[in-house]
Amino acid sequence: MPFLWVALGIMALGLVVLFAVGNDGSVLGLSSSSFARLIYLGALLTVIGSVLIRGRPRGNLLGPATIWIAIILVLVLAYQYRHLLGFSG
Protein backbone atom coordinates (compact mmCIF):
# COMPACT_ATOMS: atom_id res chain seq x y z
CA MET A 1 0.00 0.00 0.00
CA PRO A 2 2.81 2.51 0.63
CA PHE A 3 4.00 2.00 -2.97
CA LEU A 4 0.66 3.27 -4.24
CA TRP A 5 0.86 6.44 -2.15
CA VAL A 6 4.41 7.11 -3.25
CA ALA A 7 3.45 6.64 -6.91
CA LEU A 8 0.42 8.91 -6.53
CA GLY A 9 2.56 11.53 -4.80
CA ILE A 10 5.11 11.49 -7.62
CA MET A 11 2.33 11.89 -10.19
CA ALA A 12 0.78 14.76 -8.22
CA LEU A 13 4.18 16.46 -8.02
CA GLY A 14 4.57 16.02 -11.78
CA LEU A 15 1.20 17.68 -12.37
CA VAL A 16 2.16 20.60 -10.14
CA VAL A 17 5.39 21.00 -12.13
CA LEU A 18 3.39 20.94 -15.37
CA PHE A 19 1.05 23.65 -14.13
CA ALA A 20 3.99 25.76 -12.98
CA VAL A 21 5.92 25.47 -16.25
CA GLY A 22 2.96 25.83 -18.58
CA ASN A 23 3.21 25.33 -22.35
CA ASP A 24 6.30 27.44 -22.86
CA GLY A 25 9.03 25.49 -21.10
CA SER A 26 10.51 22.07 -20.83
CA VAL A 27 10.68 19.76 -17.83
CA LEU A 28 13.71 17.51 -17.32
CA GLY A 29 14.66 17.99 -20.96
CA LEU A 30 11.23 16.94 -22.22
CA SER A 31 8.58 19.13 -23.76
CA SER A 32 5.48 19.77 -21.67
CA SER A 33 3.39 17.36 -23.73
CA SER A 34 6.01 14.60 -23.48
CA PHE A 35 6.25 15.08 -19.72
CA ALA A 36 2.44 14.96 -19.41
CA ARG A 37 2.42 11.74 -21.44
CA LEU A 38 5.07 10.33 -19.11
CA ILE A 39 2.88 11.12 -16.08
CA TYR A 40 -0.16 9.57 -17.77
CA LEU A 41 1.70 6.38 -18.67
CA GLY A 42 3.11 6.23 -15.14
CA ALA A 43 -0.42 6.33 -13.75
CA LEU A 44 -1.53 3.61 -16.16
CA LEU A 45 1.48 1.47 -15.28
CA THR A 46 0.74 1.95 -11.57
CA VAL A 47 -2.84 0.73 -12.00
CA ILE A 48 -1.84 -2.26 -14.11
CA GLY A 49 1.01 -3.12 -11.76
CA SER A 50 -1.20 -2.95 -8.69
CA VAL A 51 -3.70 -5.30 -10.33
CA LEU A 52 -0.96 -7.76 -11.24
CA ILE A 53 0.66 -7.63 -7.80
CA ARG A 54 -2.42 -7.62 -5.57
CA GLY A 55 -5.08 -8.88 -7.96
CA ARG A 56 -6.17 -12.37 -8.77
CA PRO A 57 -3.97 -15.42 -8.54
CA ARG A 58 -1.65 -15.69 -11.54
CA GLY A 59 -3.49 -18.65 -13.09
CA ASN A 60 -6.76 -16.74 -13.37
CA LEU A 61 -5.13 -13.77 -15.08
CA LEU A 62 -4.31 -15.35 -18.44
CA GLY A 63 -7.86 -15.50 -19.83
CA PRO A 64 -8.90 -11.89 -19.17
CA ALA A 65 -5.47 -10.59 -20.21
CA THR A 66 -5.76 -12.42 -23.54
CA ILE A 67 -9.20 -10.91 -24.15
CA TRP A 68 -7.96 -7.37 -23.38
CA ILE A 69 -4.91 -7.79 -25.61
CA ALA A 70 -7.17 -8.97 -28.45
CA ILE A 71 -9.50 -5.98 -27.97
CA ILE A 72 -6.58 -3.54 -27.96
CA LEU A 73 -5.10 -5.19 -31.05
CA VAL A 74 -8.39 -4.88 -32.95
CA LEU A 75 -8.70 -1.19 -31.97
CA VAL A 76 -5.12 -0.43 -33.02
CA LEU A 77 -5.58 -2.20 -36.36
CA ALA A 78 -8.89 -0.43 -36.98
CA TYR A 79 -7.23 2.92 -36.27
CA GLN A 80 -4.25 2.08 -38.46
CA TYR A 81 -6.43 1.13 -41.42
CA ARG A 82 -9.25 3.61 -40.80
CA HIS A 83 -8.85 5.23 -44.22
CA LEU A 84 -9.13 1.91 -46.04
CA LEU A 85 -12.10 0.87 -43.94
CA GLY A 86 -13.90 4.16 -44.54
CA PHE A 87 -13.98 5.35 -40.93
CA SER A 88 -12.47 8.79 -41.60
CA GLY A 89 -14.44 11.72 -42.91
PDB file of N, CA and C in Angstrom:
ATOM      1  N   MET A   1       0.805  -1.204   0.000  1.00  0.00           N
ATOM      2  CA  MET A   1       0.000   0.000   0.000  1.00  0.00           C
ATOM      3  C   MET A   1       0.852   1.274   0.000  1.00  0.00           C
ATOM      4  N   PRO A   2       2.000   1.291   0.688  1.00  0.00           N
ATOM      5  CA  PRO A   2       2.810   2.514   0.634  1.00  0.00           C
ATOM      6  C   PRO A   2       3.319   2.817  -0.776  1.00  0.00           C
ATOM      7  N   PHE A   3       3.552   1.775  -1.596  1.00  0.00           N
ATOM      8  CA  PHE A   3       3.997   2.000  -2.970  1.00  0.00           C
ATOM      9  C   PHE A   3       2.977   2.817  -3.749  1.00  0.00           C
ATOM     10  N   LEU A   4       1.709   2.534  -3.538  1.00  0.00           N
ATOM     11  CA  LEU A   4       0.656   3.273  -4.235  1.00  0.00           C
ATOM     12  C   LEU A   4       0.687   4.746  -3.862  1.00  0.00           C
ATOM     13  N   TRP A   5       0.839   5.047  -2.589  1.00  0.00           N
ATOM     14  CA  TRP A   5       0.856   6.442  -2.148  1.00  0.00           C
ATOM     15  C   TRP A   5       2.092   7.173  -2.657  1.00  0.00           C
ATOM     16  N   VAL A   6       3.202   6.486  -2.705  1.00  0.00           N
ATOM     17  CA  VAL A   6       4.411   7.110  -3.254  1.00  0.00           C
ATOM     18  C   VAL A   6       4.226   7.396  -4.737  1.00  0.00           C
ATOM     19  N   ALA A   7       3.678   6.447  -5.476  1.00  0.00           N
ATOM     20  CA  ALA A   7       3.448   6.641  -6.910  1.00  0.00           C
ATOM     21  C   ALA A   7       2.458   7.782  -7.156  1.00  0.00           C
ATOM     22  N   LEU A   8       1.390   7.830  -6.375  1.00  0.00           N
ATOM     23  CA  LEU A   8       0.417   8.913  -6.535  1.00  0.00           C
ATOM     24  C   LEU A   8       1.027  10.266  -6.174  1.00  0.00           C
ATOM     25  N   GLY A   9       1.888  10.287  -5.172  1.00  0.00           N
ATOM     26  CA  GLY A   9       2.562  11.529  -4.796  1.00  0.00           C
ATOM     27  C   GLY A   9       3.499  12.025  -5.892  1.00  0.00           C
ATOM     28  N   ILE A  10       4.221  11.113  -6.517  1.00  0.00           N
ATOM     29  CA  ILE A  10       5.111  11.487  -7.617  1.00  0.00           C
ATOM     30  C   ILE A  10       4.313  12.033  -8.788  1.00  0.00           C
ATOM     31  N   MET A  11       3.170  11.401  -9.088  1.00  0.00           N
ATOM     32  CA  MET A  11       2.333  11.887 -10.191  1.00  0.00           C
ATOM     33  C   MET A  11       1.733  13.256  -9.861  1.00  0.00           C
ATOM     34  N   ALA A  12       1.330  13.460  -8.618  1.00  0.00           N
ATOM     35  CA  ALA A  12       0.784  14.762  -8.219  1.00  0.00           C
ATOM     36  C   ALA A  12       1.863  15.834  -8.318  1.00  0.00           C
ATOM     37  N   LEU A  13       3.079  15.514  -7.905  1.00  0.00           N
ATOM     38  CA  LEU A  13       4.182  16.458  -8.025  1.00  0.00           C
ATOM     39  C   LEU A  13       4.458  16.785  -9.490  1.00  0.00           C
ATOM     40  N   GLY A  14       4.392  15.784 -10.349  1.00  0.00           N
ATOM     41  CA  GLY A  14       4.570  16.015 -11.778  1.00  0.00           C
ATOM     42  C   GLY A  14       3.507  16.936 -12.347  1.00  0.00           C
ATOM     43  N   LEU A  15       2.268  16.786 -11.899  1.00  0.00           N
ATOM     44  CA  LEU A  15       1.198  17.676 -12.370  1.00  0.00           C
ATOM     45  C   LEU A  15       1.412  19.103 -11.888  1.00  0.00           C
ATOM     46  N   VAL A  16       1.879  19.263 -10.656  1.00  0.00           N
ATOM     47  CA  VAL A  16       2.161  20.601 -10.142  1.00  0.00           C
ATOM     48  C   VAL A  16       3.270  21.253 -10.962  1.00  0.00           C
ATOM     49  N   VAL A  17       4.293  20.476 -11.293  1.00  0.00           N
ATOM     50  CA  VAL A  17       5.387  21.002 -12.131  1.00  0.00           C
ATOM     51  C   VAL A  17       4.853  21.399 -13.501  1.00  0.00           C
ATOM     52  N   LEU A  18       3.969  20.592 -14.069  1.00  0.00           N
ATOM     53  CA  LEU A  18       3.390  20.939 -15.374  1.00  0.00           C
ATOM     54  C   LEU A  18       2.599  22.240 -15.314  1.00  0.00           C
ATOM     55  N   PHE A  19       1.818  22.414 -14.264  1.00  0.00           N
ATOM     56  CA  PHE A  19       1.052  23.651 -14.131  1.00  0.00           C
ATOM     57  C   PHE A  19       1.974  24.846 -13.934  1.00  0.00           C
ATOM     58  N   ALA A  20       3.074  24.659 -13.223  1.00  0.00           N
ATOM     59  CA  ALA A  20       3.993  25.765 -12.978  1.00  0.00           C
ATOM     60  C   ALA A  20       4.748  26.159 -14.243  1.00  0.00           C
ATOM     61  N   VAL A  21       5.145  25.187 -15.044  1.00  0.00           N
ATOM     62  CA  VAL A  21       5.924  25.466 -16.255  1.00  0.00           C
ATOM     63  C   VAL A  21       5.033  25.990 -17.366  1.00  0.00           C
ATOM     64  N   GLY A  22       3.857  25.424 -17.509  1.00  0.00           N
ATOM     65  CA  GLY A  22       2.958  25.831 -18.583  1.00  0.00           C
ATOM     66  C   GLY A  22       3.370  25.239 -19.915  1.00  0.00           C
ATOM     67  N   ASN A  23       2.927  25.839 -21.004  1.00  0.00           N
ATOM     68  CA  ASN A  23       3.211  25.327 -22.345  1.00  0.00           C
ATOM     69  C   ASN A  23       4.533  25.818 -22.901  1.00  0.00           C
ATOM     70  N   ASP A  24       5.133  26.796 -22.270  1.00  0.00           N
ATOM     71  CA  ASP A  24       6.303  27.438 -22.862  1.00  0.00           C
ATOM     72  C   ASP A  24       7.622  26.725 -22.590  1.00  0.00           C
ATOM     73  N   GLY A  25       7.738  26.027 -21.475  1.00  0.00           N
ATOM     74  CA  GLY A  25       9.032  25.494 -21.099  1.00  0.00           C
ATOM     75  C   GLY A  25       9.148  24.004 -21.277  1.00  0.00           C
ATOM     76  N   SER A  26      10.283  23.503 -20.808  1.00  0.00           N
ATOM     77  CA  SER A  26      10.509  22.069 -20.827  1.00  0.00           C
ATOM     78  C   SER A  26      10.785  21.610 -19.404  1.00  0.00           C
ATOM     79  N   VAL A  27      10.488  20.347 -19.148  1.00  0.00           N
ATOM     80  CA  VAL A  27      10.680  19.758 -17.829  1.00  0.00           C
ATOM     81  C   VAL A  27      11.610  18.565 -17.988  1.00  0.00           C
ATOM     82  N   LEU A  28      12.733  18.593 -17.288  1.00  0.00           N
ATOM     83  CA  LEU A  28      13.711  17.505 -17.321  1.00  0.00           C
ATOM     84  C   LEU A  28      14.147  17.173 -18.751  1.00  0.00           C
ATOM     85  N   GLY A  29      14.241  18.195 -19.584  1.00  0.00           N
ATOM     86  CA  GLY A  29      14.665  17.993 -20.959  1.00  0.00           C
ATOM     87  C   GLY A  29      13.576  17.520 -21.891  1.00  0.00           C
ATOM     88  N   LEU A  30      12.366  17.373 -21.396  1.00  0.00           N
ATOM     89  CA  LEU A  30      11.231  16.943 -22.216  1.00  0.00           C
ATOM     90  C   LEU A  30      10.299  18.121 -22.444  1.00  0.00           C
ATOM     91  N   SER A  31       9.603  18.111 -23.555  1.00  0.00           N
ATOM     92  CA  SER A  31       8.581  19.134 -23.763  1.00  0.00           C
ATOM     93  C   SER A  31       7.433  18.890 -22.789  1.00  0.00           C
ATOM     94  N   SER A  32       6.593  19.896 -22.616  1.00  0.00           N
ATOM     95  CA  SER A  32       5.485  19.767 -21.667  1.00  0.00           C
ATOM     96  C   SER A  32       4.559  18.614 -22.032  1.00  0.00           C
ATOM     97  N   SER A  33       4.293  18.435 -23.324  1.00  0.00           N
ATOM     98  CA  SER A  33       3.387  17.358 -23.726  1.00  0.00           C
ATOM     99  C   SER A  33       4.026  15.987 -23.501  1.00  0.00           C
ATOM    100  N   SER A  34       5.328  15.875 -23.729  1.00  0.00           N
ATOM    101  CA  SER A  34       6.007  14.596 -23.475  1.00  0.00           C
ATOM    102  C   SER A  34       6.038  14.278 -21.984  1.00  0.00           C
ATOM    103  N   PHE A  35       6.249  15.298 -21.163  1.00  0.00           N
ATOM    104  CA  PHE A  35       6.254  15.082 -19.718  1.00  0.00           C
ATOM    105  C   PHE A  35       4.859  14.689 -19.229  1.00  0.00           C
ATOM    106  N   ALA A  36       3.812  15.323 -19.774  1.00  0.00           N
ATOM    107  CA  ALA A  36       2.440  14.960 -19.407  1.00  0.00           C
ATOM    108  C   ALA A  36       2.137  13.520 -19.816  1.00  0.00           C
ATOM    109  N   ARG A  37       2.610  13.116 -20.987  1.00  0.00           N
ATOM    110  CA  ARG A  37       2.421  11.742 -21.443  1.00  0.00           C
ATOM    111  C   ARG A  37       3.142  10.770 -20.511  1.00  0.00           C
ATOM    112  N   LEU A  38       4.318  11.154 -20.045  1.00  0.00           N
ATOM    113  CA  LEU A  38       5.068  10.328 -19.111  1.00  0.00           C
ATOM    114  C   LEU A  38       4.303  10.150 -17.798  1.00  0.00           C
ATOM    115  N   ILE A  39       3.690  11.208 -17.313  1.00  0.00           N
ATOM    116  CA  ILE A  39       2.884  11.124 -16.082  1.00  0.00           C
ATOM    117  C   ILE A  39       1.673  10.224 -16.309  1.00  0.00           C
ATOM    118  N   TYR A  40       1.016  10.376 -17.452  1.00  0.00           N
ATOM    119  CA  TYR A  40      -0.157   9.566 -17.766  1.00  0.00           C
ATOM    120  C   TYR A  40       0.208   8.086 -17.848  1.00  0.00           C
ATOM    121  N   LEU A  41       1.292   7.780 -18.548  1.00  0.00           N
ATOM    122  CA  LEU A  41       1.701   6.382 -18.668  1.00  0.00           C
ATOM    123  C   LEU A  41       2.170   5.820 -17.333  1.00  0.00           C
ATOM    124  N   GLY A  42       2.743   6.666 -16.490  1.00  0.00           N
ATOM    125  CA  GLY A  42       3.108   6.229 -15.145  1.00  0.00           C
ATOM    126  C   GLY A  42       1.885   5.859 -14.330  1.00  0.00           C
ATOM    127  N   ALA A  43       0.820   6.643 -14.466  1.00  0.00           N
ATOM    128  CA  ALA A  43      -0.422   6.326 -13.752  1.00  0.00           C
ATOM    129  C   ALA A  43      -1.016   5.015 -14.268  1.00  0.00           C
ATOM    130  N   LEU A  44      -1.001   4.841 -15.573  1.00  0.00           N
ATOM    131  CA  LEU A  44      -1.527   3.613 -16.161  1.00  0.00           C
ATOM    132  C   LEU A  44      -0.707   2.406 -15.726  1.00  0.00           C
ATOM    133  N   LEU A  45       0.602   2.552 -15.718  1.00  0.00           N
ATOM    134  CA  LEU A  45       1.477   1.470 -15.285  1.00  0.00           C
ATOM    135  C   LEU A  45       1.267   1.154 -13.807  1.00  0.00           C
ATOM    136  N   THR A  46       1.006   2.172 -12.993  1.00  0.00           N
ATOM    137  CA  THR A  46       0.735   1.951 -11.572  1.00  0.00           C
ATOM    138  C   THR A  46      -0.544   1.141 -11.371  1.00  0.00           C
ATOM    139  N   VAL A  47      -1.577   1.470 -12.123  1.00  0.00           N
ATOM    140  CA  VAL A  47      -2.836   0.735 -12.005  1.00  0.00           C
ATOM    141  C   VAL A  47      -2.662  -0.708 -12.464  1.00  0.00           C
ATOM    142  N   ILE A  48      -2.028  -0.901 -13.602  1.00  0.00           N
ATOM    143  CA  ILE A  48      -1.835  -2.256 -14.109  1.00  0.00           C
ATOM    144  C   ILE A  48      -0.935  -3.059 -13.173  1.00  0.00           C
ATOM    145  N   GLY A  49       0.118  -2.430 -12.677  1.00  0.00           N
ATOM    146  CA  GLY A  49       1.014  -3.116 -11.759  1.00  0.00           C
ATOM    147  C   GLY A  49       0.345  -3.504 -10.457  1.00  0.00           C
ATOM    148  N   SER A  50      -0.512  -2.626  -9.935  1.00  0.00           N
ATOM    149  CA  SER A  50      -1.197  -2.955  -8.688  1.00  0.00           C
ATOM    150  C   SER A  50      -2.180  -4.103  -8.880  1.00  0.00           C
ATOM    151  N   VAL A  51      -2.797  -4.179 -10.059  1.00  0.00           N
ATOM    152  CA  VAL A  51      -3.697  -5.303 -10.335  1.00  0.00           C
ATOM    153  C   VAL A  51      -2.907  -6.598 -10.429  1.00  0.00           C
ATOM    154  N   LEU A  52      -1.757  -6.543 -11.094  1.00  0.00           N
ATOM    155  CA  LEU A  52      -0.960  -7.755 -11.241  1.00  0.00           C
ATOM    156  C   LEU A  52      -0.363  -8.209  -9.912  1.00  0.00           C
ATOM    157  N   ILE A  53       0.026  -7.271  -9.063  1.00  0.00           N
ATOM    158  CA  ILE A  53       0.660  -7.630  -7.798  1.00  0.00           C
ATOM    159  C   ILE A  53      -0.369  -8.083  -6.765  1.00  0.00           C
ATOM    160  N   ARG A  54      -1.443  -7.335  -6.627  1.00  0.00           N
ATOM    161  CA  ARG A  54      -2.423  -7.617  -5.573  1.00  0.00           C
ATOM    162  C   ARG A  54      -3.730  -8.203  -6.082  1.00  0.00           C
ATOM    163  N   GLY A  55      -3.829  -8.426  -7.357  1.00  0.00           N
ATOM    164  CA  GLY A  55      -5.084  -8.878  -7.956  1.00  0.00           C
ATOM    165  C   GLY A  55      -5.341 -10.353  -7.767  1.00  0.00           C
ATOM    166  N   ARG A  56      -5.822 -10.959  -8.789  1.00  0.00           N
ATOM    167  CA  ARG A  56      -6.174 -12.373  -8.770  1.00  0.00           C
ATOM    168  C   ARG A  56      -4.917 -13.240  -8.715  1.00  0.00           C
ATOM    169  N   PRO A  57      -5.106 -14.493  -8.415  1.00  0.00           N
ATOM    170  CA  PRO A  57      -3.972 -15.419  -8.545  1.00  0.00           C
ATOM    171  C   PRO A  57      -3.505 -15.473 -10.001  1.00  0.00           C
ATOM    172  N   ARG A  58      -2.253 -15.753 -10.214  1.00  0.00           N
ATOM    173  CA  ARG A  58      -1.653 -15.692 -11.542  1.00  0.00           C
ATOM    174  C   ARG A  58      -2.351 -16.586 -12.568  1.00  0.00           C
ATOM    175  N   GLY A  59      -2.849 -17.733 -12.163  1.00  0.00           N
ATOM    176  CA  GLY A  59      -3.490 -18.646 -13.090  1.00  0.00           C
ATOM    177  C   GLY A  59      -4.782 -18.107 -13.660  1.00  0.00           C
ATOM    178  N   ASN A  60      -5.491 -17.290 -12.909  1.00  0.00           N
ATOM    179  CA  ASN A  60      -6.761 -16.738 -13.366  1.00  0.00           C
ATOM    180  C   ASN A  60      -6.593 -15.476 -14.201  1.00  0.00           C
ATOM    181  N   LEU A  61      -5.367 -15.028 -14.379  1.00  0.00           N
ATOM    182  CA  LEU A  61      -5.128 -13.773 -15.076  1.00  0.00           C
ATOM    183  C   LEU A  61      -4.973 -13.956 -16.581  1.00  0.00           C
ATOM    184  N   LEU A  62      -4.628 -15.131 -17.032  1.00  0.00           N
ATOM    185  CA  LEU A  62      -4.305 -15.350 -18.436  1.00  0.00           C
ATOM    186  C   LEU A  62      -5.512 -15.154 -19.356  1.00  0.00           C
ATOM    187  N   GLY A  63      -6.670 -15.635 -18.978  1.00  0.00           N
ATOM    188  CA  GLY A  63      -7.861 -15.502 -19.827  1.00  0.00           C
ATOM    189  C   GLY A  63      -8.280 -14.056 -20.046  1.00  0.00           C
ATOM    190  N   PRO A  64      -8.525 -13.295 -18.974  1.00  0.00           N
ATOM    191  CA  PRO A  64      -8.898 -11.887 -19.170  1.00  0.00           C
ATOM    192  C   PRO A  64      -7.817 -11.055 -19.852  1.00  0.00           C
ATOM    193  N   ALA A  65      -6.553 -11.338 -19.565  1.00  0.00           N
ATOM    194  CA  ALA A  65      -5.469 -10.591 -20.209  1.00  0.00           C
ATOM    195  C   ALA A  65      -5.468 -10.855 -21.713  1.00  0.00           C
ATOM    196  N   THR A  66      -5.718 -12.079 -22.112  1.00  0.00           N
ATOM    197  CA  THR A  66      -5.765 -12.415 -23.535  1.00  0.00           C
ATOM    198  C   THR A  66      -6.916 -11.686 -24.226  1.00  0.00           C
ATOM    199  N   ILE A  67      -8.044 -11.615 -23.574  1.00  0.00           N
ATOM    200  CA  ILE A  67      -9.195 -10.906 -24.147  1.00  0.00           C
ATOM    201  C   ILE A  67      -8.887  -9.422 -24.314  1.00  0.00           C
ATOM    202  N   TRP A  68      -8.285  -8.790 -23.292  1.00  0.00           N
ATOM    203  CA  TRP A  68      -7.959  -7.365 -23.376  1.00  0.00           C
ATOM    204  C   TRP A  68      -6.907  -7.100 -24.449  1.00  0.00           C
ATOM    205  N   ILE A  69      -5.929  -7.965 -24.565  1.00  0.00           N
ATOM    206  CA  ILE A  69      -4.912  -7.794 -25.608  1.00  0.00           C
ATOM    207  C   ILE A  69      -5.543  -7.903 -26.983  1.00  0.00           C
ATOM    208  N   ALA A  70      -6.481  -8.830 -27.159  1.00  0.00           N
ATOM    209  CA  ALA A  70      -7.168  -8.968 -28.446  1.00  0.00           C
ATOM    210  C   ALA A  70      -8.004  -7.723 -28.754  1.00  0.00           C
ATOM    211  N   ILE A  71      -8.693  -7.193 -27.767  1.00  0.00           N
ATOM    212  CA  ILE A  71      -9.500  -5.975 -27.970  1.00  0.00           C
ATOM    213  C   ILE A  71      -8.609  -4.807 -28.357  1.00  0.00           C
ATOM    214  N   ILE A  72      -7.502  -4.638 -27.663  1.00  0.00           N
ATOM    215  CA  ILE A  72      -6.583  -3.542 -27.963  1.00  0.00           C
ATOM    216  C   ILE A  72      -5.997  -3.709 -29.356  1.00  0.00           C
ATOM    217  N   LEU A  73      -5.650  -4.930 -29.724  1.00  0.00           N
ATOM    218  CA  LEU A  73      -5.101  -5.188 -31.054  1.00  0.00           C
ATOM    219  C   LEU A  73      -6.106  -4.843 -32.147  1.00  0.00           C
ATOM    220  N   VAL A  74      -7.360  -5.203 -31.960  1.00  0.00           N
ATOM    221  CA  VAL A  74      -8.395  -4.875 -32.945  1.00  0.00           C
ATOM    222  C   VAL A  74      -8.563  -3.364 -33.064  1.00  0.00           C
ATOM    223  N   LEU A  75      -8.560  -2.649 -31.932  1.00  0.00           N
ATOM    224  CA  LEU A  75      -8.701  -1.195 -31.973  1.00  0.00           C
ATOM    225  C   LEU A  75      -7.512  -0.524 -32.658  1.00  0.00           C
ATOM    226  N   VAL A  76      -6.311  -1.002 -32.377  1.00  0.00           N
ATOM    227  CA  VAL A  76      -5.119  -0.435 -33.021  1.00  0.00           C
ATOM    228  C   VAL A  76      -5.150  -0.688 -34.524  1.00  0.00           C
ATOM    229  N   LEU A  77      -5.512  -1.894 -34.925  1.00  0.00           N
ATOM    230  CA  LEU A  77      -5.582  -2.199 -36.359  1.00  0.00           C
ATOM    231  C   LEU A  77      -6.678  -1.396 -37.052  1.00  0.00           C
ATOM    232  N   ALA A  78      -7.818  -1.230 -36.396  1.00  0.00           N
ATOM    233  CA  ALA A  78      -8.894  -0.430 -36.976  1.00  0.00           C
ATOM    234  C   ALA A  78      -8.458   1.025 -37.128  1.00  0.00           C
ATOM    235  N   TYR A  79      -7.712   1.544 -36.158  1.00  0.00           N
ATOM    236  CA  TYR A  79      -7.225   2.919 -36.270  1.00  0.00           C
ATOM    237  C   TYR A  79      -6.166   3.035 -37.358  1.00  0.00           C
ATOM    238  N   GLN A  80      -5.311   2.053 -37.464  1.00  0.00           N
ATOM    239  CA  GLN A  80      -4.247   2.084 -38.461  1.00  0.00           C
ATOM    240  C   GLN A  80      -4.817   2.063 -39.880  1.00  0.00           C
ATOM    241  N   TYR A  81      -5.842   1.277 -40.096  1.00  0.00           N
ATOM    242  CA  TYR A  81      -6.432   1.131 -41.423  1.00  0.00           C
ATOM    243  C   TYR A  81      -7.779   1.840 -41.540  1.00  0.00           C
ATOM    244  N   ARG A  82      -7.967   2.904 -40.795  1.00  0.00           N
ATOM    245  CA  ARG A  82      -9.252   3.613 -40.795  1.00  0.00           C
ATOM    246  C   ARG A  82      -9.584   4.210 -42.153  1.00  0.00           C
ATOM    247  N   HIS A  83      -8.584   4.642 -42.902  1.00  0.00           N
ATOM    248  CA  HIS A  83      -8.852   5.228 -44.215  1.00  0.00           C
ATOM    249  C   HIS A  83      -9.321   4.157 -45.202  1.00  0.00           C
ATOM    250  N   LEU A  84      -8.716   2.987 -45.147  1.00  0.00           N
ATOM    251  CA  LEU A  84      -9.128   1.907 -46.042  1.00  0.00           C
ATOM    252  C   LEU A  84     -10.497   1.359 -45.671  1.00  0.00           C
ATOM    253  N   LEU A  85     -10.813   1.391 -44.398  1.00  0.00           N
ATOM    254  CA  LEU A  85     -12.102   0.872 -43.936  1.00  0.00           C
ATOM    255  C   LEU A  85     -13.230   1.887 -44.055  1.00  0.00           C
ATOM    256  N   GLY A  86     -12.881   3.126 -44.362  1.00  0.00           N
ATOM    257  CA  GLY A  86     -13.901   4.159 -44.537  1.00  0.00           C
ATOM    258  C   GLY A  86     -14.373   4.794 -43.258  1.00  0.00           C
ATOM    259  N   PHE A  87     -13.568   4.750 -42.203  1.00  0.00           N
ATOM    260  CA  PHE A  87     -13.976   5.348 -40.931  1.00  0.00           C
ATOM    261  C   PHE A  87     -13.684   6.841 -40.833  1.00  0.00           C
ATOM    262  N   SER A  88     -12.819   7.359 -41.687  1.00  0.00           N
ATOM    263  CA  SER A  88     -12.471   8.790 -41.599  1.00  0.00           C
ATOM    264  C   SER A  88     -13.367   9.595 -42.512  1.00  0.00           C
ATOM    265  N   GLY A  89     -13.517  10.862 -42.169  1.00  0.00           N
ATOM    266  CA  GLY A  89     -14.439  11.717 -42.914  1.00  0.00           C
ATOM    267  C   GLY A  89     -13.875  12.446 -44.010  1.00  0.00           C
TER     268      GLY A  89
END
